[in-house]
Protein backbone atom coordinates (compact mmCIF):
# COMPACT_ATOMS: atom_id res chain seq x y z
CA MET A 1 -149.46 101.21 51.87
CA ALA A 2 -149.30 103.47 54.90
CA GLU A 3 -151.65 103.66 58.05
CA SER A 4 -154.67 105.74 56.98
CA THR A 5 -155.28 109.02 58.62
CA THR A 6 -158.74 109.49 57.04
CA ASN A 7 -161.96 107.62 56.61
CA ASN A 8 -161.61 104.66 54.30
CA GLN A 9 -164.37 102.98 52.63
CA ALA A 10 -162.47 100.05 51.91
CA ASN A 11 -162.44 99.27 55.64
CA VAL A 12 -166.33 99.08 55.67
CA SER A 13 -167.79 95.83 54.51
CA ALA A 14 -170.26 93.08 55.07
CA ALA A 15 -169.04 89.41 54.96
CA LYS A 16 -169.91 86.36 53.19
CA GLY A 17 -168.63 82.64 53.18
CA VAL A 18 -165.86 81.67 50.61
CA LYS A 19 -167.63 79.99 47.72
CA GLY A 20 -167.50 76.30 47.73
CA GLY A 21 -166.96 75.93 51.56
CA TYR A 22 -166.67 78.24 54.54
CA ILE A 23 -166.92 76.58 57.79
CA PHE A 24 -164.62 73.58 58.77
CA SER A 25 -164.12 71.71 61.85
CA ALA A 26 -161.47 69.22 63.08
CA PRO A 27 -160.78 67.23 66.27
CA GLU A 28 -159.47 69.32 69.09
CA GLY A 29 -155.64 69.57 69.01
CA SER A 30 -155.53 69.64 65.12
CA LYS A 31 -152.96 71.95 63.65
CA LEU A 32 -154.52 75.29 63.41
CA PRO A 33 -153.93 78.07 60.77
CA THR A 34 -152.30 81.21 61.93
CA ASP A 35 -152.88 83.52 58.81
CA ILE A 36 -155.33 83.80 56.17
CA LYS A 37 -153.36 81.92 53.26
CA THR A 38 -152.07 78.76 54.84
CA LYS A 39 -154.02 75.73 53.45
CA LEU A 40 -156.02 73.87 56.26
CA ASP A 41 -154.76 70.88 57.72
CA PRO A 42 -156.43 67.64 56.27
CA ALA A 43 -158.15 67.05 59.68
CA PHE A 44 -160.51 69.84 58.78
CA LYS A 45 -163.73 68.77 57.27
CA CYS A 46 -166.24 71.02 55.57
CA LEU A 47 -169.53 71.27 57.54
CA GLY A 48 -171.43 72.54 54.38
CA PHE A 49 -173.86 75.49 54.29
CA ILE A 50 -174.78 77.78 57.26
CA SER A 51 -178.45 78.93 57.01
CA GLU A 52 -179.37 82.49 56.02
CA ASP A 53 -179.36 83.69 59.70
CA GLY A 54 -175.60 83.45 59.51
CA TYR A 55 -172.96 83.13 62.12
CA VAL A 56 -173.84 85.22 65.30
CA GLU A 57 -170.94 85.65 67.55
CA THR A 58 -171.66 86.95 71.22
CA VAL A 59 -169.35 88.16 73.95
CA ASP A 60 -170.93 88.20 77.43
CA GLU A 61 -168.98 89.97 80.18
CA ASP A 62 -169.96 90.90 83.77
CA ALA A 63 -168.45 94.02 84.96
CA ASP A 64 -167.98 94.76 88.66
CA ASP A 65 -167.68 98.63 89.27
CA ILE A 66 -165.56 99.65 92.13
CA ASN A 67 -166.91 102.91 93.71
CA ASP A 68 -165.29 105.44 95.96
CA MET A 69 -167.00 106.73 99.17
CA ASN A 70 -168.86 109.29 97.17
CA GLY A 71 -170.31 106.49 94.73
CA ASP A 72 -168.20 107.58 91.72
CA VAL A 73 -166.93 104.69 89.63
CA MET A 74 -163.00 104.61 90.25
CA ASP A 75 -162.41 101.22 88.19
CA SER A 76 -164.46 98.44 86.71
CA THR A 77 -163.20 94.80 86.68
CA ASN A 78 -164.43 91.88 84.46
CA SER A 79 -165.51 89.15 86.78
CA ASN A 80 -166.83 86.70 83.97
CA ARG A 81 -166.50 86.55 80.15
CA VAL A 82 -168.17 84.06 77.84
CA GLU A 83 -167.86 84.06 74.10
CA SER A 84 -169.95 81.97 71.88
CA ALA A 85 -171.58 81.67 68.51
CA GLN A 86 -174.89 80.67 67.14
CA LEU A 87 -175.25 79.06 63.80
CA THR A 88 -177.37 76.67 61.80
CA LEU A 89 -175.62 73.97 59.89
CA ALA A 90 -178.04 73.47 57.02
CA GLU A 91 -176.71 70.22 55.62
CA ILE A 92 -177.90 66.98 57.27
CA LYS A 93 -174.81 64.72 57.23
CA ALA A 94 -172.64 62.74 59.58
CA GLU A 95 -170.12 65.70 60.27
CA THR A 96 -172.48 68.26 61.15
CA LEU A 97 -174.64 65.90 63.27
CA LYS A 98 -171.39 65.03 65.22
CA ARG A 99 -171.14 68.82 66.18
CA GLN A 100 -174.74 68.56 67.61
CA TYR A 101 -175.01 65.22 69.08
CA GLY A 102 -171.48 64.19 69.73
CA ASN A 103 -168.84 62.48 67.84
CA ALA A 104 -169.38 59.03 69.42
CA ASN A 105 -173.29 59.38 69.09
CA VAL A 106 -173.19 59.57 65.33
CA THR A 107 -172.29 56.68 62.82
CA ASP A 108 -172.47 56.51 59.03
CA ALA A 109 -172.30 52.90 57.93
CA ASN A 110 -173.96 50.93 55.12
CA GLY A 111 -175.79 54.05 53.75
CA ILE A 112 -177.54 54.82 57.14
CA ILE A 113 -176.63 57.73 59.55
CA THR A 114 -177.59 56.85 63.09
CA VAL A 115 -177.77 59.43 65.80
CA LYS A 116 -178.19 58.70 69.47
CA HIS A 117 -179.74 61.51 71.55
CA ASN A 118 -178.07 61.46 75.01
CA ALA A 119 -176.18 63.76 77.43
CA ASP A 120 -172.80 62.84 76.01
CA SER A 121 -173.23 65.31 73.27
CA HIS A 122 -170.86 68.19 73.97
CA ASP A 123 -167.49 67.28 72.37
CA VAL A 124 -164.79 69.95 71.82
CA PHE A 125 -163.77 70.67 68.11
CA ALA A 126 -161.57 73.25 66.47
CA TYR A 127 -163.44 75.47 63.87
CA VAL A 128 -162.39 77.72 61.01
CA LEU A 129 -164.47 80.09 59.02
CA GLU A 130 -163.36 81.17 55.68
CA LEU A 131 -164.85 84.59 54.93
CA VAL A 132 -164.72 87.35 52.28
CA LEU A 133 -165.29 91.12 52.70
CA LYS A 134 -165.90 93.71 50.18
CA ASN A 135 -163.35 93.80 47.12
CA GLY A 136 -162.26 90.27 47.88
CA ARG A 137 -160.45 91.03 50.99
CA ARG A 138 -160.06 87.82 53.03
CA TRP A 139 -160.86 87.07 56.68
CA ARG A 140 -160.31 83.91 58.57
CA LYS A 141 -161.85 83.15 62.00
CA VAL A 142 -160.31 80.42 63.92
CA VAL A 143 -161.88 79.02 67.20
CA PRO A 144 -159.24 76.39 68.67
CA ARG A 145 -161.66 74.88 71.29
CA GLY A 146 -165.54 75.25 70.49
CA LYS A 147 -167.98 73.14 72.43
CA SER A 148 -171.61 72.59 71.53
CA SER A 149 -173.50 73.85 74.43
CA GLU A 150 -177.26 74.04 73.33
CA LEU A 151 -179.50 73.02 70.43
CA ASP A 152 -182.63 75.02 69.72
CA ASP A 153 -185.93 73.57 68.72
CA LEU A 154 -186.36 71.30 65.58
CA THR A 155 -189.27 72.16 63.38
CA ILE A 156 -190.32 69.53 60.91
CA ALA A 157 -192.37 71.26 58.13
CA SER A 158 -192.44 71.68 54.54
CA SER A 159 -191.65 75.31 54.82
CA GLU A 160 -188.80 75.08 57.38
CA LEU A 161 -185.16 74.10 57.14
CA CYS A 162 -184.94 70.83 58.84
CA GLN A 163 -182.09 71.51 61.21
CA ARG A 164 -181.47 73.10 64.79
CA ALA A 165 -179.60 76.24 65.69
CA LEU A 166 -176.55 75.24 67.48
CA THR A 167 -174.86 77.45 70.21
CA MET A 168 -171.11 76.75 70.55
CA LYS A 169 -169.09 78.16 73.44
CA TYR A 170 -165.71 79.16 72.89
CA LEU A 171 -163.27 77.66 75.36
CA THR A 172 -159.95 79.16 76.38
CA ASP A 173 -156.84 77.79 74.66
CA GLU A 174 -153.16 77.40 76.12
CA GLN A 175 -152.47 81.06 75.50
CA GLY A 176 -155.78 82.16 77.24
CA ASN A 177 -157.51 83.05 74.04
CA THR A 178 -160.89 82.05 72.71
CA CYS A 179 -160.72 82.92 69.07
CA TYR A 180 -158.47 84.46 66.50
CA ASP A 181 -159.35 86.61 63.61
CA TYR A 182 -157.01 87.18 60.64
CA PHE A 183 -158.05 90.01 58.14
CA GLU A 184 -156.21 90.89 54.89
CA SER A 185 -154.97 94.53 55.66
CA THR A 186 -155.75 97.63 53.64
CA GLU A 187 -152.98 99.46 55.29
CA THR A 188 -149.82 97.02 55.10
CA GLN A 189 -148.48 94.80 52.37
CA ALA A 190 -147.95 91.09 52.79
CA ALA A 191 -144.37 90.16 53.35
């Protein structure tokens, strides 16, 4: 396939999680995938379902405009950049609770999960999302260093999902990147 020089409907798509498991997490420093096909390192554990609100990624940047003496913008620089995601892990199990409350604050022993609520709840983990676009086209999102930064309110009611929305900040890796996206191309063939 060659680079398209016209509009291509194959490039327009919504996204869904891969059936059977689409969000995985591992301790910081685990071997990360660098493509869409490599099997995940065994350190990655499935975190289960994400609520219907999905995975909402945000990039906040502060720009400083540099004006000339006439007040015209000559340049614009970024002084601050924060990338984050908000999601609600729907399953109540040890792995999801560790992402919310900290690895050392959650134990699963003798049939009981115990969660301690305290200020030591912001561990850094690696995350991988396995996604599918239209026509079965694959997308893998890799966050090398994600840190829980905020939990939303917990509503306990028969008509509500019994979980909290989690905000995860993307921290910069050794290469200066916060996230890697790998998409199956519609314009080039796999080697």
